[in-house]
């Protein structure tokens, strides 16, 4: 059987196979070490086959980041669906789900937020907006209920988002024990709610 006709491509799953291999390589070696040729070898296809789906290495990285944002949005929506109806519970569920994703997929999250101002990032921006909009919607709902001060929900939520990123960075850097995460999330959200409460 010719190399390019092996099962991953023949069965129409080459794109998914390459993305899965790229995510695995991302965790092991980092984004800078990803190579289309090496991923093709891991997938058992010819070195030219990946170009049917990704015009170059950057296109593969962009697709990986988009997939990451889509997975993050699913995780956040799932956490929200299981949370109690009050604002504090919904915020804590969202923040905890985000931080757990950031801890479990640190290399992927770094790639997701590493985009630069260049052509071809529109799909990434759209995918990022979908997940981050959930947090902004929660803040807007809190404002409508009179639990949070008025203002642009994105601006009001910026401090909470920075706190989320900071906690994840500290856990990933072994500065904070993962076992402390639940308590940190509760404290961070409680402090945010106190600070953002209408005067």
C-alpha atoms as a PDB file:
ATOM      1  CA  UNK A   1       0.000   0.000   0.000  1.00  0.00           C
ATOM      2  CA  UNK A   2       1.499   3.411  -0.957  1.00  0.00           C
ATOM      3  CA  UNK A   3       2.381   5.541   2.009  1.00  0.00           C
ATOM      4  CA  UNK A   4      -0.123   8.268   1.121  1.00  0.00           C
ATOM      5  CA  UNK A   5      -2.957   5.743   0.945  1.00  0.00           C
ATOM      6  CA  UNK A   6      -2.681   4.459   4.505  1.00  0.00           C
ATOM      7  CA  UNK A   7      -5.765   4.409   6.668  1.00  0.00           C
ATOM      8  CA  UNK A   8      -5.809   7.862   8.380  1.00  0.00           C
ATOM      9  CA  UNK A   9      -6.092   9.706   5.071  1.00  0.00           C
ATOM     10  CA  UNK A  10      -7.909   6.973   3.176  1.00  0.00           C
ATOM     11  CA  UNK A  11     -10.703   7.020   5.723  1.00  0.00           C
ATOM     12  CA  UNK A  12     -11.035  10.805   5.596  1.00  0.00           C
ATOM     13  CA  UNK A  13      -9.702  11.357   9.090  1.00  0.00           C
ATOM     14  CA  UNK A  14      -6.323  12.825   8.256  1.00  0.00           C
ATOM     15  CA  UNK A  15      -7.219  16.282   9.541  1.00  0.00           C
ATOM     16  CA  UNK A  16      -8.362  14.964  12.931  1.00  0.00           C
ATOM     17  CA  UNK A  17      -5.391  12.594  13.093  1.00  0.00           C
ATOM     18  CA  UNK A  18      -2.952  15.436  12.440  1.00  0.00           C
ATOM     19  CA  UNK A  19      -4.612  17.696  15.006  1.00  0.00           C
ATOM     20  CA  UNK A  20      -4.488  14.961  17.641  1.00  0.00           C
ATOM     21  CA  UNK A  21      -0.825  14.281  16.857  1.00  0.00           C
ATOM     22  CA  UNK A  22      -0.086  18.018  16.910  1.00  0.00           C
ATOM     23  CA  UNK A  23      -1.690  18.441  20.326  1.00  0.00           C
ATOM     24  CA  UNK A  24       0.298  15.525  21.701  1.00  0.00           C
ATOM     25  CA  UNK A  25       3.512  16.973  20.261  1.00  0.00           C
ATOM     26  CA  UNK A  26       2.595  20.408  21.610  1.00  0.00           C
ATOM     27  CA  UNK A  27       2.438  19.004  25.142  1.00  0.00           C
ATOM     28  CA  UNK A  28       5.746  17.181  24.753  1.00  0.00           C
ATOM     29  CA  UNK A  29       7.849  19.683  22.849  1.00  0.00           C
ATOM     30  CA  UNK A  30       6.056  23.026  22.577  1.00  0.00           C
ATOM     31  CA  UNK A  31       4.671  24.896  19.572  1.00  0.00           C
ATOM     32  CA  UNK A  32       8.058  25.955  18.223  1.00  0.00           C
ATOM     33  CA  UNK A  33       9.070  22.320  17.662  1.00  0.00           C
ATOM     34  CA  UNK A  34       5.982  21.273  15.698  1.00  0.00           C
ATOM     35  CA  UNK A  35       6.762  20.054  12.203  1.00  0.00           C
ATOM     36  CA  UNK A  36       4.272  19.076   9.501  1.00  0.00           C
ATOM     37  CA  UNK A  37       6.732  16.535   8.151  1.00  0.00           C
ATOM     38  CA  UNK A  38       7.142  14.844  11.546  1.00  0.00           C
ATOM     39  CA  UNK A  39       3.393  14.855  12.165  1.00  0.00           C
ATOM     40  CA  UNK A  40       2.822  13.267   8.748  1.00  0.00           C
ATOM     41  CA  UNK A  41       5.303  10.542   9.650  1.00  0.00           C
ATOM     42  CA  UNK A  42       3.502   9.933  12.967  1.00  0.00           C
ATOM     43  CA  UNK A  43       0.174   9.762  11.111  1.00  0.00           C
ATOM     44  CA  UNK A  44       1.612   7.257   8.624  1.00  0.00           C
ATOM     45  CA  UNK A  45       1.058   9.385   5.521  1.00  0.00           C
ATOM     46  CA  UNK A  46       3.309  11.033   2.954  1.00  0.00           C
ATOM     47  CA  UNK A  47       4.986  14.289   3.931  1.00  0.00           C
ATOM     48  CA  UNK A  48       2.869  16.108   1.329  1.00  0.00           C
ATOM     49  CA  UNK A  49      -0.494  14.792   2.563  1.00  0.00           C
ATOM     50  CA  UNK A  50      -0.998  17.340   5.393  1.00  0.00           C
ATOM     51  CA  UNK A  51      -1.004  20.152   2.824  1.00  0.00           C
ATOM     52  CA  UNK A  52      -4.428  18.951   1.721  1.00  0.00           C
ATOM     53  CA  UNK A  53      -5.751  20.375   5.000  1.00  0.00           C
ATOM     54  CA  UNK A  54      -3.126  22.865   6.225  1.00  0.00           C
ATOM     55  CA  UNK A  55      -1.277  25.084   3.782  1.00  0.00           C
ATOM     56  CA  UNK A  56       1.599  25.457   6.216  1.00  0.00           C
ATOM     57  CA  UNK A  57       2.684  24.943   9.805  1.00  0.00           C
ATOM     58  CA  UNK A  58       1.006  28.160  10.967  1.00  0.00           C
ATOM     59  CA  UNK A  59      -2.328  27.034   9.548  1.00  0.00           C
ATOM     60  CA  UNK A  60      -2.028  23.845  11.597  1.00  0.00           C
ATOM     61  CA  UNK A  61      -1.236  25.831  14.766  1.00  0.00           C
ATOM     62  CA  UNK A  62      -4.195  28.129  14.101  1.00  0.00           C
ATOM     63  CA  UNK A  63      -6.520  25.146  13.651  1.00  0.00           C
ATOM     64  CA  UNK A  64      -5.187  23.670  16.892  1.00  0.00           C
ATOM     65  CA  UNK A  65      -5.900  26.937  18.719  1.00  0.00           C
ATOM     66  CA  UNK A  66      -9.425  27.117  17.273  1.00  0.00           C
ATOM     67  CA  UNK A  67     -10.084  23.544  18.413  1.00  0.00           C
ATOM     68  CA  UNK A  68      -8.804  24.549  21.858  1.00  0.00           C
ATOM     69  CA  UNK A  69     -11.211  27.471  22.126  1.00  0.00           C
ATOM     70  CA  UNK A  70     -14.096  25.278  21.001  1.00  0.00           C
ATOM     71  CA  UNK A  71     -13.206  22.672  23.635  1.00  0.00           C
ATOM     72  CA  UNK A  72     -12.905  25.382  26.282  1.00  0.00           C
ATOM     73  CA  UNK A  73     -16.341  26.746  25.402  1.00  0.00           C
ATOM     74  CA  UNK A  74     -17.857  23.266  25.733  1.00  0.00           C
ATOM     75  CA  UNK A  75     -16.217  22.849  29.144  1.00  0.00           C
ATOM     76  CA  UNK A  76     -17.512  26.225  30.345  1.00  0.00           C
ATOM     77  CA  UNK A  77     -21.034  25.546  29.086  1.00  0.00           C
ATOM     78  CA  UNK A  78     -21.036  22.160  30.779  1.00  0.00           C
ATOM     79  CA  UNK A  79     -19.896  23.714  34.071  1.00  0.00           C
ATOM     80  CA  UNK A  80     -22.615  26.361  33.833  1.00  0.00           C
ATOM     81  CA  UNK A  81     -25.300  23.791  33.141  1.00  0.00           C
ATOM     82  CA  UNK A  82     -24.450  21.997  36.399  1.00  0.00           C
ATOM     83  CA  UNK A  83     -24.143  25.124  38.571  1.00  0.00           C
ATOM     84  CA  UNK A  84     -26.744  26.550  40.927  1.00  0.00           C
ATOM     85  CA  UNK A  85     -28.766  29.517  39.648  1.00  0.00           C
ATOM     86  CA  UNK A  86     -27.207  32.242  41.802  1.00  0.00           C
ATOM     87  CA  UNK A  87     -24.526  34.482  40.327  1.00  0.00           C
ATOM     88  CA  UNK A  88     -21.788  33.468  42.754  1.00  0.00           C
ATOM     89  CA  UNK A  89     -22.236  29.763  42.021  1.00  0.00           C
ATOM     90  CA  UNK A  90     -22.311  30.335  38.274  1.00  0.00           C
ATOM     91  CA  UNK A  91     -19.194  32.486  38.356  1.00  0.00           C
ATOM     92  CA  UNK A  92     -17.346  29.984  40.552  1.00  0.00           C
ATOM     93  CA  UNK A  93     -18.269  27.114  38.243  1.00  0.00           C
ATOM     94  CA  UNK A  94     -17.075  29.058  35.208  1.00  0.00           C
ATOM     95  CA  UNK A  95     -13.850  30.237  36.814  1.00  0.00           C
ATOM     96  CA  UNK A  96     -13.043  26.751  38.147  1.00  0.00           C
ATOM     97  CA  UNK A  97     -13.696  25.142  34.741  1.00  0.00           C
ATOM     98  CA  UNK A  98     -11.483  27.696  33.002  1.00  0.00           C
ATOM     99  CA  UNK A  99      -8.613  27.257  35.452  1.00  0.00           C
ATOM    100  CA  UNK A 100      -8.808  23.461  35.303  1.00  0.00           C
ATOM    101  CA  UNK A 101      -8.645  23.649  31.513  1.00  0.00           C
ATOM    102  CA  UNK A 102      -5.648  25.989  31.795  1.00  0.00           C
ATOM    103  CA  UNK A 103      -3.906  23.558  34.123  1.00  0.00           C
ATOM    104  CA  UNK A 104      -4.662  20.419  32.134  1.00  0.00           C
ATOM    105  CA  UNK A 105      -3.869  22.001  28.749  1.00  0.00           C
ATOM    106  CA  UNK A 106      -1.285  24.645  29.644  1.00  0.00           C
ATOM    107  CA  UNK A 107       0.644  24.393  26.379  1.00  0.00           C
ATOM    108  CA  UNK A 108      -2.549  24.542  24.340  1.00  0.00           C
ATOM    109  CA  UNK A 109      -3.832  27.558  26.276  1.00  0.00           C
ATOM    110  CA  UNK A 110      -0.546  29.358  25.690  1.00  0.00           C
ATOM    111  CA  UNK A 111      -0.893  28.702  21.969  1.00  0.00           C
ATOM    112  CA  UNK A 112      -4.510  29.902  22.024  1.00  0.00           C
ATOM    113  CA  UNK A 113      -3.522  33.276  23.450  1.00  0.00           C
ATOM    114  CA  UNK A 114      -0.261  33.628  21.558  1.00  0.00           C
ATOM    115  CA  UNK A 115      -1.795  34.924  18.358  1.00  0.00           C
ATOM    116  CA  UNK A 116      -0.304  38.051  16.879  1.00  0.00           C
ATOM    117  CA  UNK A 117      -1.689  40.747  14.631  1.00  0.00           C
ATOM    118  CA  UNK A 118      -1.420  39.087  11.248  1.00  0.00           C
ATOM    119  CA  UNK A 119      -3.529  37.804   8.412  1.00  0.00           C
ATOM    120  CA  UNK A 120      -5.501  34.636   8.970  1.00  0.00           C
ATOM    121  CA  UNK A 121      -6.408  34.952  12.645  1.00  0.00           C
ATOM    122  CA  UNK A 122     -10.059  35.900  12.151  1.00  0.00           C
ATOM    123  CA  UNK A 123     -11.275  32.355  12.850  1.00  0.00           C
ATOM    124  CA  UNK A 124      -9.229  32.251  16.053  1.00  0.00           C
ATOM    125  CA  UNK A 125     -10.669  35.558  17.230  1.00  0.00           C
ATOM    126  CA  UNK A 126     -14.183  34.318  16.512  1.00  0.00           C
ATOM    127  CA  UNK A 127     -13.554  31.073  18.407  1.00  0.00           C
ATOM    128  CA  UNK A 128     -12.054  32.952  21.371  1.00  0.00           C
ATOM    129  CA  UNK A 129     -15.039  35.290  21.514  1.00  0.00           C
ATOM    130  CA  UNK A 130     -17.416  32.372  21.921  1.00  0.00           C
ATOM    131  CA  UNK A 131     -15.822  31.127  25.137  1.00  0.00           C
ATOM    132  CA  UNK A 132     -15.025  34.511  26.664  1.00  0.00           C
ATOM    133  CA  UNK A 133     -18.539  35.753  25.906  1.00  0.00           C
ATOM    134  CA  UNK A 134     -19.912  33.333  28.496  1.00  0.00           C
ATOM    135  CA  UNK A 135     -18.095  35.188  31.273  1.00  0.00           C
ATOM    136  CA  UNK A 136     -19.218  38.547  29.909  1.00  0.00           C
ATOM    137  CA  UNK A 137     -22.819  37.321  29.737  1.00  0.00           C
ATOM    138  CA  UNK A 138     -22.688  36.275  33.385  1.00  0.00           C
ATOM    139  CA  UNK A 139     -21.432  39.710  34.351  1.00  0.00           C
ATOM    140  CA  UNK A 140     -24.131  41.402  32.266  1.00  0.00           C
ATOM    141  CA  UNK A 141     -26.767  39.263  33.991  1.00  0.00           C
ATOM    142  CA  UNK A 142     -25.350  40.259  37.371  1.00  0.00           C
ATOM    143  CA  UNK A 143     -25.580  43.908  36.358  1.00  0.00           C
ATOM    144  CA  UNK A 144     -29.173  43.526  35.234  1.00  0.00           C
ATOM    145  CA  UNK A 145     -30.015  41.921  38.586  1.00  0.00           C
ATOM    146  CA  UNK A 146     -28.356  44.772  40.459  1.00  0.00           C
ATOM    147  CA  UNK A 147     -25.653  42.522  41.918  1.00  0.00           C
ATOM    148  CA  UNK A 148     -22.791  44.112  39.979  1.00  0.00           C
ATOM    149  CA  UNK A 149     -21.965  47.723  39.200  1.00  0.00           C
ATOM    150  CA  UNK A 150     -22.864  49.073  35.782  1.00  0.00           C
ATOM    151  CA  UNK A 151     -20.262  49.319  33.064  1.00  0.00           C
ATOM    152  CA  UNK A 152     -18.935  47.484  30.045  1.00  0.00           C
ATOM    153  CA  UNK A 153     -19.134  43.776  31.009  1.00  0.00           C
ATOM    154  CA  UNK A 154     -15.800  43.101  29.316  1.00  0.00           C
ATOM    155  CA  UNK A 155     -14.124  45.865  31.317  1.00  0.00           C
ATOM    156  CA  UNK A 156     -15.786  44.826  34.578  1.00  0.00           C
ATOM    157  CA  UNK A 157     -14.717  41.239  34.033  1.00  0.00           C
ATOM    158  CA  UNK A 158     -11.111  42.041  33.101  1.00  0.00           C
ATOM    159  CA  UNK A 159      -9.872  41.832  36.683  1.00  0.00           C
ATOM    160  CA  UNK A 160     -11.581  38.478  37.203  1.00  0.00           C
ATOM    161  CA  UNK A 161     -10.117  37.155  33.958  1.00  0.00           C
ATOM    162  CA  UNK A 162      -6.637  38.327  34.990  1.00  0.00           C
ATOM    163  CA  UNK A 163      -7.127  36.583  38.334  1.00  0.00           C
ATOM    164  CA  UNK A 164      -8.120  33.360  36.564  1.00  0.00           C
ATOM    165  CA  UNK A 165      -5.020  33.481  34.398  1.00  0.00           C
ATOM    166  CA  UNK A 166      -2.849  34.319  37.380  1.00  0.00           C
ATOM    167  CA  UNK A 167      -4.086  31.406  39.486  1.00  0.00           C
ATOM    168  CA  UNK A 168      -3.558  29.000  36.586  1.00  0.00           C
ATOM    169  CA  UNK A 169      -0.029  30.321  36.053  1.00  0.00           C
ATOM    170  CA  UNK A 170       0.821  29.908  39.739  1.00  0.00           C
ATOM    171  CA  UNK A 171      -0.510  26.346  39.804  1.00  0.00           C
ATOM    172  CA  UNK A 172       1.300  25.437  36.569  1.00  0.00           C
ATOM    173  CA  UNK A 173       4.491  26.927  38.006  1.00  0.00           C
ATOM    174  CA  UNK A 174       4.230  24.729  41.107  1.00  0.00           C
ATOM    175  CA  UNK A 175       3.933  27.838  43.271  1.00  0.00           C
ATOM    176  CA  UNK A 176       0.431  26.913  44.440  1.00  0.00           C
ATOM    177  CA  UNK A 177      -0.626  23.361  45.219  1.00  0.00           C
ATOM    178  CA  UNK A 178      -3.475  22.130  42.976  1.00  0.00           C
ATOM    179  CA  UNK A 179      -5.315  20.981  46.104  1.00  0.00           C
ATOM    180  CA  UNK A 180      -5.815  24.634  47.052  1.00  0.00           C
ATOM    181  CA  UNK A 181      -7.606  25.451  43.794  1.00  0.00           C
ATOM    182  CA  UNK A 182     -11.213  25.177  45.008  1.00  0.00           C
ATOM    183  CA  UNK A 183     -10.585  27.486  47.951  1.00  0.00           C
ATOM    184  CA  UNK A 184      -8.748  29.980  45.756  1.00  0.00           C
ATOM    185  CA  UNK A 185     -11.597  30.038  43.255  1.00  0.00           C
ATOM    186  CA  UNK A 186     -14.157  30.673  45.999  1.00  0.00           C
ATOM    187  CA  UNK A 187     -12.034  33.468  47.498  1.00  0.00           C
ATOM    188  CA  UNK A 188     -11.300  35.070  44.124  1.00  0.00           C
ATOM    189  CA  UNK A 189     -14.956  35.148  43.078  1.00  0.00           C
ATOM    190  CA  UNK A 190     -16.120  36.372  46.489  1.00  0.00           C
ATOM    191  CA  UNK A 191     -13.598  39.212  46.387  1.00  0.00           C
ATOM    192  CA  UNK A 192     -14.587  40.056  42.829  1.00  0.00           C
ATOM    193  CA  UNK A 193     -18.264  40.212  43.803  1.00  0.00           C
ATOM    194  CA  UNK A 194     -17.515  42.464  46.778  1.00  0.00           C
ATOM    195  CA  UNK A 195     -15.360  44.766  44.692  1.00  0.00           C
ATOM    196  CA  UNK A 196     -17.810  44.929  41.796  1.00  0.00           C
ATOM    197  CA  UNK A 197     -20.907  45.350  43.959  1.00  0.00           C
ATOM    198  CA  UNK A 198     -22.853  48.566  43.309  1.00  0.00           C
ATOM    199  CA  UNK A 199     -21.818  51.344  45.684  1.00  0.00           C
END
